[in-house]
Amino acid sequence: MPITDRRRIRAKAFAIPPLFKCVLRFLVFLVLSSPSTLLYAQTVDIKLVDGRNGRPMTASCVNVGVGAGNEGKRTIAIPTDKDGIARLRLTDNDGEMDIHNRSKDCGLFGVINPVVKYDDFLAINVGYVLCQPRAPDYSWLAIREVSTKQLMHQGIVMPNTCGKATASPKPGEVIIFVRPLNWREKLKQ
């Protein structure tokens, strides 16, 4: 029994007090939940979904600008993959920025998996009619600004007035319900 008592004494000497554990957990939580930590080199998925049937819009281009109103910002075109997702990464580190992986599918400004500087807003434009309430005839020309903070913490799902397709928001994902232009809309272009 004397060996067991020595182990208990040694274990008590190295035990962490409960109050210290709580403080330590709180500090770790603060560091991990700070905006700069959460938004550092985070992947953003912009998913195009046909609002009429819920299928992904493949072989499309999503125009993305970083910053409110794209003032002084360069817009890049990101091709969608087989799942209808255009992917980019946001970073605070200037050395990680990369928009050199060109895509011929989206013209001169086409970039595959770009890494761009973080800003408070992303401006998104797609070549389809947006399935949103009270969208004007030329809604495919509209630029939708989304809050990067909301996008990274909650995810964003745009409304769908074109059909019954639905989706749930996931952090880091924007889901946009769209439909192709009909022949009259194409004539107005």
Protein backbone atom coordinates (compact mmCIF):
# COMPACT_ATOMS: atom_id res chain seq x y z
CA MET A 1 0.00 0.00 0.00
CA PRO A 2 2.79 2.53 0.52
CA ILE A 3 3.49 2.55 -3.25
CA THR A 4 -0.16 3.40 -3.99
CA ASP A 5 -0.12 6.26 -1.49
CA ARG A 6 3.01 7.70 -3.12
CA ARG A 7 1.32 7.58 -6.54
CA ARG A 8 -1.73 9.41 -5.16
CA ILE A 9 0.44 12.10 -3.62
CA ARG A 10 2.38 12.49 -6.86
CA ALA A 11 -0.85 12.62 -8.90
CA LYS A 12 -2.29 15.30 -6.60
CA ALA A 13 0.89 17.35 -6.90
CA PHE A 14 0.57 17.42 -10.71
CA ALA A 15 -3.23 17.72 -10.88
CA ILE A 16 -4.62 20.78 -12.65
CA PRO A 17 -7.13 22.70 -10.53
CA PRO A 18 -10.67 22.82 -12.01
CA LEU A 19 -10.67 26.64 -12.17
CA PHE A 20 -7.44 26.62 -14.19
CA LYS A 21 -8.97 24.07 -16.60
CA CYS A 22 -11.97 26.33 -17.16
CA VAL A 23 -9.78 29.39 -17.77
CA LEU A 24 -7.56 27.42 -20.15
CA ARG A 25 -10.56 26.15 -22.14
CA PHE A 26 -11.97 29.67 -22.35
CA LEU A 27 -8.67 31.06 -23.66
CA VAL A 28 -8.40 28.30 -26.28
CA PHE A 29 -11.99 29.02 -27.32
CA LEU A 30 -11.25 32.74 -27.70
CA VAL A 31 -8.18 32.11 -29.84
CA LEU A 32 -9.95 29.61 -32.09
CA SER A 33 -13.10 31.67 -32.50
CA SER A 34 -11.47 35.02 -33.27
CA PRO A 35 -12.38 36.28 -36.77
CA SER A 36 -8.81 36.44 -37.96
CA THR A 37 -8.22 32.81 -37.01
CA LEU A 38 -11.44 31.51 -38.55
CA LEU A 39 -11.05 33.41 -41.79
CA TYR A 40 -7.40 32.70 -42.40
CA ALA A 41 -6.95 30.61 -45.57
CA GLN A 42 -10.56 29.42 -45.63
CA THR A 43 -12.17 27.72 -48.61
CA VAL A 44 -15.35 29.23 -50.06
CA ASP A 45 -17.67 27.13 -52.22
CA ILE A 46 -20.13 28.92 -54.50
CA LYS A 47 -22.63 26.36 -55.69
CA LEU A 48 -24.96 26.97 -58.64
CA VAL A 49 -28.15 24.91 -58.53
CA ASP A 50 -30.92 24.77 -61.12
CA GLY A 51 -33.86 26.06 -59.09
CA ARG A 52 -36.35 24.10 -61.19
CA ASN A 53 -35.00 20.60 -60.55
CA GLY A 54 -32.16 20.89 -57.98
CA ARG A 55 -29.41 19.71 -60.37
CA PRO A 56 -25.98 21.35 -60.29
CA MET A 57 -25.13 23.84 -63.04
CA THR A 58 -21.93 22.39 -64.47
CA ALA A 59 -19.63 23.91 -67.08
CA SER A 60 -20.55 27.44 -65.96
CA CYS A 61 -18.58 30.45 -64.78
CA VAL A 62 -19.07 32.43 -61.58
CA ASN A 63 -17.71 35.98 -61.55
CA VAL A 64 -16.34 36.88 -58.11
CA GLY A 65 -14.97 40.18 -56.86
CA VAL A 66 -13.56 40.68 -53.40
CA GLY A 67 -14.70 43.85 -51.62
CA ALA A 68 -17.84 45.96 -51.42
CA GLY A 69 -19.02 47.03 -54.85
CA ASN A 70 -15.82 45.79 -56.48
CA GLU A 71 -14.43 49.34 -56.40
CA GLY A 72 -10.80 49.08 -57.36
CA LYS A 73 -10.98 45.28 -57.18
CA ARG A 74 -10.33 42.82 -59.94
CA THR A 75 -13.09 40.40 -60.86
CA ILE A 76 -12.16 36.81 -61.59
CA ALA A 77 -14.23 34.14 -63.33
CA ILE A 78 -14.19 30.72 -61.66
CA PRO A 79 -15.43 27.64 -63.55
CA THR A 80 -17.84 25.27 -61.83
CA ASP A 81 -16.93 21.61 -61.44
CA LYS A 82 -19.10 18.52 -61.99
CA ASP A 83 -21.00 19.36 -58.78
CA GLY A 84 -21.73 22.95 -59.84
CA ILE A 85 -19.18 24.36 -57.35
CA ALA A 86 -16.84 27.26 -58.02
CA ARG A 87 -14.14 27.15 -55.33
CA LEU A 88 -11.81 29.84 -54.03
CA ARG A 89 -9.72 30.43 -50.92
CA LEU A 90 -9.55 33.56 -48.82
CA THR A 91 -6.33 34.46 -47.03
CA ASP A 92 -4.87 37.27 -44.94
CA ASN A 93 -1.35 36.43 -46.08
CA ASP A 94 -0.27 38.35 -49.20
CA GLY A 95 2.35 35.68 -49.96
CA GLU A 96 -0.33 33.00 -50.41
CA MET A 97 -2.38 34.93 -52.99
CA ASP A 98 -2.52 33.09 -56.31
CA ILE A 99 -4.63 33.78 -59.39
CA HIS A 100 -2.27 32.28 -61.95
CA ASN A 101 -3.93 28.90 -62.58
CA ARG A 102 -5.80 30.06 -65.69
CA SER A 103 -8.92 28.43 -67.12
CA LYS A 104 -9.73 28.79 -70.81
CA ASP A 105 -13.35 27.87 -70.07
CA CYS A 106 -14.11 31.30 -68.59
CA GLY A 107 -12.30 33.64 -70.97
CA LEU A 108 -9.49 36.05 -70.16
CA PHE A 109 -10.30 36.32 -66.47
CA GLY A 110 -10.86 32.60 -65.82
CA VAL A 111 -8.98 31.14 -62.85
CA ILE A 112 -9.14 27.67 -61.29
CA ASN A 113 -9.00 27.50 -57.45
CA PRO A 114 -7.82 31.08 -56.88
CA VAL A 115 -6.43 32.29 -53.55
CA VAL A 116 -7.48 35.90 -52.95
CA LYS A 117 -7.10 38.47 -50.18
CA TYR A 118 -9.83 38.41 -47.53
CA ASP A 119 -12.30 41.29 -47.52
CA ASP A 120 -15.62 41.90 -45.74
CA PHE A 121 -17.72 41.26 -48.86
CA LEU A 122 -17.73 39.05 -51.93
CA ALA A 123 -19.50 40.31 -55.04
CA ILE A 124 -20.98 37.44 -57.08
CA ASN A 125 -22.41 37.50 -60.59
CA VAL A 126 -23.61 34.56 -62.68
CA GLY A 127 -24.77 34.24 -66.31
CA TYR A 128 -28.19 32.89 -65.40
CA VAL A 129 -31.51 34.25 -64.18
CA LEU A 130 -31.50 34.34 -60.39
CA CYS A 131 -34.44 32.52 -58.79
CA GLN A 132 -35.21 35.30 -56.36
CA PRO A 133 -38.42 37.12 -55.54
CA ARG A 134 -39.04 40.30 -57.53
CA ALA A 135 -35.90 39.83 -59.64
CA PRO A 136 -35.92 42.10 -62.70
CA ASP A 137 -35.79 40.73 -66.25
CA TYR A 138 -32.08 41.41 -66.39
CA SER A 139 -31.32 39.74 -63.07
CA TRP A 140 -28.40 37.82 -64.62
CA LEU A 141 -26.57 41.16 -64.80
CA ALA A 142 -27.11 41.86 -61.10
CA ILE A 143 -24.22 41.61 -58.67
CA ARG A 144 -25.06 40.05 -55.33
CA GLU A 145 -22.88 41.05 -52.40
CA VAL A 146 -22.53 38.59 -49.55
CA SER A 147 -20.98 39.14 -46.15
CA THR A 148 -17.81 37.09 -45.81
CA LYS A 149 -18.26 36.86 -42.04
CA GLN A 150 -21.80 35.47 -42.38
CA LEU A 151 -20.66 33.14 -45.16
CA MET A 152 -17.83 31.67 -43.09
CA HIS A 153 -19.86 31.28 -39.89
CA GLN A 154 -23.28 30.20 -41.17
CA GLY A 155 -23.28 29.75 -44.91
CA ILE A 156 -25.73 31.45 -47.27
CA VAL A 157 -28.61 30.00 -49.30
CA MET A 158 -30.31 32.35 -51.75
CA PRO A 159 -34.11 32.06 -52.11
CA ASN A 160 -35.62 29.87 -54.83
CA THR A 161 -38.74 31.01 -56.70
CA CYS A 162 -38.15 28.80 -59.77
CA GLY A 163 -39.15 25.47 -58.26
CA LYS A 164 -39.21 23.31 -55.16
CA ALA A 165 -35.47 22.67 -54.81
CA THR A 166 -34.16 23.53 -51.34
CA ALA A 167 -30.85 23.47 -49.50
CA SER A 168 -29.49 24.02 -46.02
CA PRO A 169 -26.69 26.49 -45.34
CA LYS A 170 -23.25 25.18 -44.40
CA PRO A 171 -20.37 27.33 -43.16
CA GLY A 172 -18.16 28.39 -46.08
CA GLU A 173 -20.81 27.72 -48.76
CA VAL A 174 -23.03 30.00 -50.87
CA ILE A 175 -25.86 28.26 -52.73
CA ILE A 176 -27.43 30.24 -55.57
CA PHE A 177 -30.58 28.97 -57.28
CA VAL A 178 -30.67 29.90 -60.96
CA ARG A 179 -32.28 28.93 -64.24
CA PRO A 180 -31.12 29.26 -67.86
CA LEU A 181 -32.36 32.21 -69.88
CA ASN A 182 -35.38 31.56 -72.10
CA TRP A 183 -35.39 32.63 -75.75
CA ARG A 184 -37.02 36.03 -75.02
CA GLU A 185 -34.42 36.83 -72.36
CA LYS A 186 -31.63 35.84 -74.74
CA LEU A 187 -33.01 38.27 -77.32
CA LYS A 188 -32.86 41.12 -74.79
CA GLN A 189 -29.15 40.59 -74.19
